[in-house]
Amino acid sequence: MNQKTFFNCVTNGKKDIIQEIIDLLNQNSIEYCVIGGLAVNAYVEPVVSLDLDIVVVVDGIDKLIESTKDKFKVEKFPHSINLGSKDSDVRIQLQTDKRYQDFIKRALIKDLMGYQMNVALLEDVLNGKVWAYSDIQRRGSKRQKDLADIMRIIESFPELKSMLPESIIENINKIA
């Protein structure tokens, strides 16, 4: 079983919606990069996640939404647009927070679960996780996952620990 097949089995995929979204981005020449937990998986030992977090260049968001309207259910929120499909449990979240836009130009093409995707640079992935963990409006369980992702990165790349705020280092030290 290859990685794509495994991922689609875990996500109850009747269709390969990740490949569909990658194809739509590429066909429409929309610049993007993957962030979040799946992006962490591109750099460290992977864990299963149902979330695909993507940053799309600002002027490509409407074009992407227009090209997905027949394939995905679209829900708009203050800092994201979520794309869902009855054909998979994968949750695609387009991050609209402008802080992430610079990540796109530094992204690298990486093999991620058998998919060739533009993935944010490791330092940018870590910054995004720090921002997410520091957002006290997020659910506690989401923030704990963000902290675990930060720890996964730091364990594999200890030289990046200096990028972390002292408060996060203190929380990591309590656990370690």
Protein backbone atom coordinates (compact mmCIF):
# COMPACT_ATOMS: atom_id res chain seq x y z
CA MET A 1 0.00 0.00 0.00
CA ASN A 2 1.50 3.36 -0.98
CA GLN A 3 1.27 6.54 1.12
CA LYS A 4 -1.58 8.08 -0.89
CA THR A 5 -3.66 4.90 -0.61
CA PHE A 6 -2.97 4.72 3.13
CA PHE A 7 -3.90 8.38 3.61
CA ASN A 8 -7.13 7.99 1.63
CA CYS A 9 -8.04 4.87 3.65
CA VAL A 10 -7.50 6.72 6.94
CA THR A 11 -9.55 9.68 5.72
CA ASN A 12 -12.37 7.51 4.35
CA GLY A 13 -11.62 8.91 0.92
CA LYS A 14 -13.99 7.82 -1.79
CA LYS A 15 -12.12 10.34 -3.95
CA ASP A 16 -8.59 11.69 -3.68
CA ILE A 17 -9.61 15.23 -2.76
CA ILE A 18 -6.07 16.24 -1.85
CA GLN A 19 -4.94 15.49 -5.39
CA GLU A 20 -8.03 17.31 -6.67
CA ILE A 21 -7.17 20.48 -4.73
CA ILE A 22 -3.49 20.30 -5.78
CA ASP A 23 -4.58 19.87 -9.41
CA LEU A 24 -6.98 22.83 -9.17
CA LEU A 25 -4.25 25.02 -7.69
CA ASN A 26 -1.79 24.01 -10.40
CA GLN A 27 -4.28 24.22 -13.30
CA ASN A 28 -5.25 27.73 -12.22
CA SER A 29 -1.60 28.77 -11.61
CA ILE A 30 -2.42 29.72 -8.03
CA GLU A 31 0.57 30.04 -5.73
CA TYR A 32 0.14 28.27 -2.40
CA CYS A 33 1.90 26.41 0.36
CA VAL A 34 0.93 23.84 2.94
CA ILE A 35 1.24 24.84 6.60
CA GLY A 36 0.06 23.27 9.84
CA GLY A 37 0.37 19.68 11.00
CA LEU A 38 0.77 18.14 7.56
CA ALA A 39 3.59 20.59 6.83
CA VAL A 40 5.26 19.45 10.06
CA ASN A 41 5.03 15.91 8.66
CA ALA A 42 7.15 16.99 5.69
CA TYR A 43 10.09 17.59 8.04
CA VAL A 44 9.72 15.13 10.92
CA GLU A 45 8.32 11.67 11.61
CA PRO A 46 4.73 11.91 10.31
CA VAL A 47 1.55 11.52 12.32
CA VAL A 48 -1.93 11.17 10.84
CA SER A 49 -3.95 14.35 10.47
CA LEU A 50 -7.27 14.96 8.78
CA ASP A 51 -6.48 18.65 8.30
CA LEU A 52 -4.87 20.12 5.21
CA ASP A 53 -4.01 23.74 6.00
CA ILE A 54 -3.10 25.82 2.96
CA VAL A 55 -2.10 29.44 2.37
CA VAL A 56 -3.16 30.69 -1.05
CA VAL A 57 -1.86 33.91 -2.57
CA VAL A 58 -4.47 36.59 -1.85
CA ASP A 59 -5.42 37.25 -5.47
CA GLY A 60 -5.92 33.52 -6.07
CA ILE A 61 -8.48 32.84 -3.34
CA ASP A 62 -11.56 33.86 -5.33
CA LYS A 63 -10.29 31.98 -8.39
CA LEU A 64 -9.81 28.83 -6.31
CA ILE A 65 -13.22 29.13 -4.63
CA GLU A 66 -14.85 29.58 -8.05
CA SER A 67 -13.07 26.48 -9.40
CA THR A 68 -14.04 24.37 -6.37
CA LYS A 69 -17.70 25.33 -5.99
CA ASP A 70 -18.94 22.24 -7.85
CA LYS A 71 -16.65 19.84 -5.98
CA PHE A 72 -16.49 21.17 -2.41
CA LYS A 73 -18.73 22.68 0.22
CA VAL A 74 -17.35 26.15 1.00
CA GLU A 75 -17.65 27.75 4.46
CA LYS A 76 -16.18 31.18 5.20
CA PHE A 77 -14.89 32.15 8.64
CA PRO A 78 -13.07 35.28 9.93
CA HIS A 79 -9.55 33.91 9.26
CA SER A 80 -10.14 30.93 7.02
CA ILE A 81 -12.21 29.35 4.29
CA ASN A 82 -12.98 25.68 4.77
CA LEU A 83 -13.51 23.26 1.91
CA GLY A 84 -15.26 20.00 2.64
CA SER A 85 -16.40 17.02 0.64
CA LYS A 86 -18.82 14.18 1.33
CA ASP A 87 -16.23 11.98 -0.40
CA SER A 88 -13.56 12.33 2.32
CA ASP A 89 -13.03 13.20 5.97
CA VAL A 90 -10.14 15.50 5.00
CA ARG A 91 -10.75 19.06 6.16
CA ILE A 92 -9.15 21.59 3.83
CA GLN A 93 -8.64 24.98 5.45
CA LEU A 94 -7.49 27.97 3.43
CA GLN A 95 -5.76 30.28 5.88
CA THR A 96 -6.60 33.92 5.14
CA ASP A 97 -4.50 35.51 7.91
CA LYS A 98 -2.16 37.84 6.00
CA ARG A 99 0.84 36.92 8.23
CA TYR A 100 1.15 33.66 6.27
CA GLN A 101 1.41 35.25 2.80
CA ASP A 102 5.22 35.55 2.89
CA PHE A 103 5.47 31.79 3.47
CA ILE A 104 4.37 31.15 -0.11
CA LYS A 105 7.43 32.66 -1.79
CA ARG A 106 9.81 30.63 0.42
CA ALA A 107 7.95 27.31 0.04
CA LEU A 108 9.66 24.17 -1.22
CA ILE A 109 8.23 21.33 -3.29
CA LYS A 110 8.20 18.33 -0.96
CA ASP A 111 6.86 14.80 -1.06
CA LEU A 112 4.15 14.73 1.58
CA MET A 113 2.21 11.50 2.07
CA GLY A 114 2.93 10.64 -1.56
CA TYR A 115 1.82 14.03 -2.90
CA GLN A 116 4.11 16.60 -4.49
CA MET A 117 3.14 19.84 -2.75
CA ASN A 118 4.50 23.29 -2.04
CA VAL A 119 5.29 23.18 1.67
CA ALA A 120 6.25 26.13 3.84
CA LEU A 121 9.89 26.37 4.85
CA LEU A 122 10.56 24.61 8.18
CA GLU A 123 11.18 27.89 10.03
CA ASP A 124 7.90 29.26 8.66
CA VAL A 125 6.03 26.10 9.71
CA LEU A 126 7.44 26.56 13.21
CA ASN A 127 6.44 30.25 13.27
CA GLY A 128 2.92 29.31 12.18
CA LYS A 129 2.70 26.74 14.96
CA VAL A 130 3.91 29.33 17.49
CA TRP A 131 1.23 31.77 16.26
CA ALA A 132 -1.45 29.07 16.49
CA TYR A 133 -0.36 27.92 19.96
CA SER A 134 -0.24 31.53 21.20
CA ASP A 135 -3.82 32.21 20.06
CA ILE A 136 -5.80 31.92 23.29
CA GLN A 137 -9.05 31.95 21.29
CA ARG A 138 -8.22 28.45 19.95
CA ARG A 139 -9.63 25.40 21.68
CA GLY A 140 -7.34 23.93 24.30
CA SER A 141 -7.08 20.62 22.45
CA LYS A 142 -5.95 22.41 19.27
CA ARG A 143 -3.36 24.41 21.21
CA GLN A 144 -2.03 21.20 22.78
CA LYS A 145 -1.65 19.69 19.32
CA ASP A 146 0.20 22.84 18.22
CA LEU A 147 2.55 22.48 21.21
CA ALA A 148 3.12 18.81 20.35
CA ASP A 149 3.95 19.81 16.76
CA ILE A 150 6.39 22.45 18.06
CA MET A 151 8.01 19.80 20.23
CA ARG A 152 8.25 17.38 17.29
CA ILE A 153 10.12 20.03 15.31
CA ILE A 154 12.44 21.01 18.16
CA GLU A 155 13.29 17.38 18.94
CA SER A 156 14.39 16.87 15.32
CA PHE A 157 15.92 20.33 14.85
CA PRO A 158 17.12 21.52 18.29
CA GLU A 159 18.90 24.50 16.70
CA LEU A 160 15.45 26.04 16.09
CA LYS A 161 14.61 26.20 19.80
CA SER A 162 16.09 29.71 19.88
CA MET A 163 13.18 30.85 17.67
CA LEU A 164 10.65 30.07 20.40
CA PRO A 165 9.26 32.58 22.89
CA GLU A 166 10.36 31.94 26.47
CA SER A 167 6.79 31.07 27.53
CA ILE A 168 6.70 28.16 25.07
CA ILE A 169 10.15 26.96 26.13
CA GLU A 170 8.91 26.95 29.74
CA ASN A 171 5.87 24.86 28.76
CA ILE A 172 8.08 22.41 26.86
CA ASN A 173 10.44 22.14 29.82
CA LYS A 174 7.50 21.30 32.13
CA ILE A 175 6.62 18.34 29.92
CA ALA A 176 10.12 17.11 29.07
